[in-house]
Amino acid sequence: MKVIVGLGNPGRQYERTRHNIGFAAIDYIAGKNQIEISSKKHKALIGSGYSGGQKVLLVKPQTFMNLSGESLRGVMDFYKLEPSDFIVIFDDISLDVGQLRIRRKGSAGGHNGIKSIISHLGSMDFPRIKIGVGEKPKGYDLADYVLGHFSKGEMEIYDDVFPDVDDAVKLMVMDDISGAMNQYNKKARK
């Protein structure tokens, strides 16, 4: 079984913010694959179903971003999984709005949610899908920027991006990470 994790912060005030693009992607995947995210356990909202013909668990940690690893550790221990069984979807300020970057593994790159996951799973070896939210404008505080809301134009870009995220996940759950990288690691849409 693969666990598809979208990172974000719980609470209405964080909906439609840059930091919650992982939650939004999970919501899209759930809708496309008729998966109901209604169970509350392991400090997360969870739904199980199928994607790409494979059994998957969709997870939205409810610990706040900087503690995401606590939730994933509980999932990993309960289901007896390896870090490589997780696919983590999260925001990246070093990528243009809507640009995707799929990686097999890697460092936290300054992302506190990923830092927490690496710490709690004891490994950097988990696949991830980074979704570009654009670079922080000069003079902006980083926290204010990532907790800021998307413009209408940006939201329209993500409406086009989420089907690609869903398709990339389908390849990744079938262990075709190279195929997902080749197909979706490209420049952002303008």
Protein backbone atom coordinates (compact mmCIF):
# COMPACT_ATOMS: atom_id res chain seq x y z
CA MET A 1 0.00 0.00 0.00
CA LYS A 2 1.15 3.54 -0.78
CA VAL A 3 0.39 6.52 1.42
CA ILE A 4 -0.26 9.79 -0.39
CA VAL A 5 0.32 12.69 2.00
CA GLY A 6 -0.62 16.31 1.39
CA LEU A 7 0.97 18.84 3.70
CA GLY A 8 -0.85 21.85 5.13
CA ASN A 9 -2.21 23.47 8.25
CA PRO A 10 -5.61 22.58 9.73
CA GLY A 11 -8.24 25.27 10.11
CA ARG A 12 -10.40 27.38 7.81
CA GLN A 13 -8.08 30.38 8.03
CA TYR A 14 -5.41 28.37 6.18
CA GLU A 15 -7.61 27.17 3.31
CA ARG A 16 -6.45 28.36 -0.12
CA THR A 17 -3.05 29.45 1.20
CA ARG A 18 0.26 28.62 -0.48
CA HIS A 19 1.35 26.38 2.40
CA ASN A 20 -1.84 24.30 2.01
CA ILE A 21 -1.40 23.36 -1.64
CA GLY A 22 -0.70 19.78 -0.47
CA PHE A 23 -4.12 19.58 1.21
CA ALA A 24 -5.77 20.98 -1.93
CA ALA A 25 -4.01 18.37 -4.09
CA ILE A 26 -5.18 15.56 -1.78
CA ASP A 27 -8.75 16.88 -1.93
CA TYR A 28 -8.56 16.82 -5.74
CA ILE A 29 -7.13 13.26 -5.80
CA ALA A 30 -9.84 12.12 -3.36
CA GLY A 31 -12.56 13.55 -5.59
CA LYS A 32 -11.12 12.07 -8.80
CA ASN A 33 -10.79 8.61 -7.26
CA GLN A 34 -14.00 8.59 -5.17
CA ILE A 35 -12.08 8.37 -1.90
CA GLU A 36 -13.78 9.79 1.17
CA ILE A 37 -11.42 11.42 3.63
CA SER A 38 -13.49 11.04 6.77
CA SER A 39 -11.51 9.01 9.29
CA LYS A 40 -9.59 10.77 12.08
CA LYS A 41 -6.61 8.82 13.36
CA HIS A 42 -2.85 9.13 13.68
CA LYS A 43 -3.30 12.91 14.13
CA ALA A 44 -4.63 13.09 10.55
CA LEU A 45 -7.67 13.02 8.33
CA ILE A 46 -7.46 9.78 6.35
CA GLY A 47 -9.27 8.07 3.50
CA SER A 48 -8.52 4.76 1.81
CA GLY A 49 -9.27 3.66 -1.72
CA TYR A 50 -7.58 3.00 -5.04
CA SER A 51 -5.46 5.06 -7.41
CA GLY A 52 -3.89 3.60 -10.52
CA GLY A 53 -5.32 0.22 -9.52
CA GLN A 54 -3.30 0.26 -6.29
CA LYS A 55 -4.59 0.49 -2.72
CA VAL A 56 -3.74 3.90 -1.30
CA LEU A 57 -4.20 5.83 1.90
CA LEU A 58 -4.77 9.58 1.51
CA VAL A 59 -3.49 11.52 4.52
CA LYS A 60 -3.85 15.16 5.60
CA PRO A 61 -1.86 15.59 8.84
CA GLN A 62 -3.71 17.76 11.37
CA THR A 63 -0.65 18.58 13.49
CA PHE A 64 0.24 21.84 11.74
CA MET A 65 2.95 21.87 9.11
CA ASN A 66 6.03 21.93 11.35
CA LEU A 67 4.94 18.73 13.15
CA SER A 68 3.78 16.72 10.10
CA GLY A 69 6.24 13.93 10.88
CA GLU A 70 4.39 13.02 14.11
CA SER A 71 1.34 12.02 12.09
CA LEU A 72 3.32 10.09 9.47
CA ARG A 73 5.26 8.20 12.11
CA GLY A 74 1.98 6.95 13.56
CA VAL A 75 0.79 5.85 10.11
CA MET A 76 4.13 4.15 9.37
CA ASP A 77 4.15 2.21 12.65
CA PHE A 78 0.48 1.19 12.49
CA TYR A 79 0.64 -0.12 8.91
CA LYS A 80 4.24 -1.40 9.19
CA LEU A 81 5.43 0.69 6.23
CA GLU A 82 8.79 1.92 4.98
CA PRO A 83 9.54 5.59 4.27
CA SER A 84 9.56 4.71 0.55
CA ASP A 85 5.85 3.79 0.82
CA PHE A 86 4.99 7.48 1.30
CA ILE A 87 4.49 10.04 -1.46
CA VAL A 88 4.49 13.54 0.03
CA ILE A 89 2.92 16.52 -1.79
CA PHE A 90 3.89 20.01 -0.64
CA ASP A 91 4.53 23.62 -1.60
CA ASP A 92 7.87 24.88 -2.91
CA ILE A 93 8.76 28.59 -3.11
CA SER A 94 11.77 27.91 -5.38
CA LEU A 95 9.47 26.78 -8.23
CA ASP A 96 7.26 28.97 -10.40
CA VAL A 97 3.52 28.96 -9.68
CA GLY A 98 2.13 25.63 -10.87
CA GLN A 99 5.48 24.04 -11.73
CA LEU A 100 5.85 20.42 -10.57
CA ARG A 101 9.06 18.77 -9.42
CA ILE A 102 9.01 15.06 -8.61
CA ARG A 103 11.89 13.53 -6.67
CA ARG A 104 12.64 10.02 -5.38
CA LYS A 105 14.22 11.39 -2.20
CA GLY A 106 16.12 14.38 -0.94
CA SER A 107 16.79 16.85 1.84
CA ALA A 108 14.24 19.15 3.43
CA GLY A 109 15.47 22.10 1.38
CA GLY A 110 14.41 24.46 4.17
CA HIS A 111 10.80 23.18 4.28
CA ASN A 112 9.84 22.66 7.94
CA GLY A 113 7.13 20.08 7.17
CA ILE A 114 9.65 17.93 5.28
CA LYS A 115 12.23 18.50 8.02
CA SER A 116 9.75 17.07 10.55
CA ILE A 117 8.96 14.08 8.32
CA ILE A 118 12.65 13.26 7.78
CA SER A 119 13.22 13.50 11.54
CA HIS A 120 10.28 11.25 12.48
CA LEU A 121 10.69 8.67 9.69
CA GLY A 122 14.45 8.59 10.17
CA SER A 123 15.02 8.82 6.42
CA MET A 124 15.10 11.17 3.43
CA ASP A 125 14.24 8.24 1.14
CA PHE A 126 10.59 8.96 0.32
CA PRO A 127 9.21 10.20 -3.00
CA ARG A 128 7.75 13.65 -3.15
CA ILE A 129 5.86 15.98 -5.45
CA LYS A 130 6.73 19.63 -5.03
CA ILE A 131 4.18 22.13 -6.32
CA GLY A 132 5.56 25.57 -7.09
CA VAL A 133 3.92 28.49 -5.33
CA GLY A 134 6.32 31.14 -6.61
CA GLU A 135 9.18 33.01 -5.05
CA LYS A 136 8.62 35.25 -2.06
CA PRO A 137 8.59 38.91 -3.16
CA LYS A 138 11.40 41.10 -1.86
CA GLY A 139 10.65 42.59 1.54
CA TYR A 140 8.01 39.96 2.39
CA ASP A 141 8.26 37.82 5.50
CA LEU A 142 8.48 34.15 4.44
CA ALA A 143 5.78 33.02 6.91
CA ASP A 144 3.44 35.77 5.74
CA TYR A 145 4.04 34.78 2.12
CA VAL A 146 3.42 31.01 2.47
CA LEU A 147 0.41 31.65 4.72
CA GLY A 148 -0.94 34.16 2.20
CA HIS A 149 -3.88 33.34 -0.07
CA PHE A 150 -3.68 32.62 -3.79
CA SER A 151 -4.95 35.12 -6.32
CA LYS A 152 -7.85 34.11 -8.57
CA GLY A 153 -5.39 33.78 -11.48
CA GLU A 154 -3.12 31.50 -9.48
CA MET A 155 -6.06 29.31 -8.46
CA GLU A 156 -6.93 28.87 -12.15
CA ILE A 157 -3.38 27.65 -12.79
CA TYR A 158 -3.75 25.05 -10.03
CA ASP A 159 -7.04 23.86 -11.52
CA ASP A 160 -4.93 22.85 -14.53
CA VAL A 161 -2.08 21.43 -12.41
CA PHE A 162 -4.06 19.11 -10.13
CA PRO A 163 -4.96 16.63 -12.92
CA ASP A 164 -1.20 16.30 -13.60
CA VAL A 165 -0.57 15.69 -9.89
CA ASP A 166 -3.23 12.97 -9.89
CA ASP A 167 -1.72 11.35 -13.01
CA ALA A 168 1.80 11.56 -11.54
CA VAL A 169 0.57 9.88 -8.33
CA LYS A 170 -0.96 7.06 -10.41
CA LEU A 171 2.45 6.41 -12.00
CA MET A 172 4.26 6.68 -8.68
CA VAL A 173 2.00 4.20 -6.86
CA MET A 174 2.87 1.72 -9.62
CA ASP A 175 6.57 2.37 -8.85
CA ASP A 176 7.12 4.31 -12.09
CA ILE A 177 8.70 7.34 -10.47
CA SER A 178 11.03 7.77 -13.49
CA GLY A 179 8.02 7.93 -15.79
CA ALA A 180 6.36 10.51 -13.54
CA MET A 181 9.56 12.58 -13.45
CA ASN A 182 10.01 12.43 -17.23
CA GLN A 183 6.43 13.45 -17.88
CA TYR A 184 5.80 16.10 -15.22
CA ASN A 185 9.15 17.72 -14.31
CA LYS A 186 8.77 20.57 -16.76
CA LYS A 187 8.45 24.31 -16.77
CA ALA A 188 5.44 26.04 -15.26
CA ARG A 189 2.47 27.14 -17.31
CA LYS A 190 2.13 30.85 -17.96
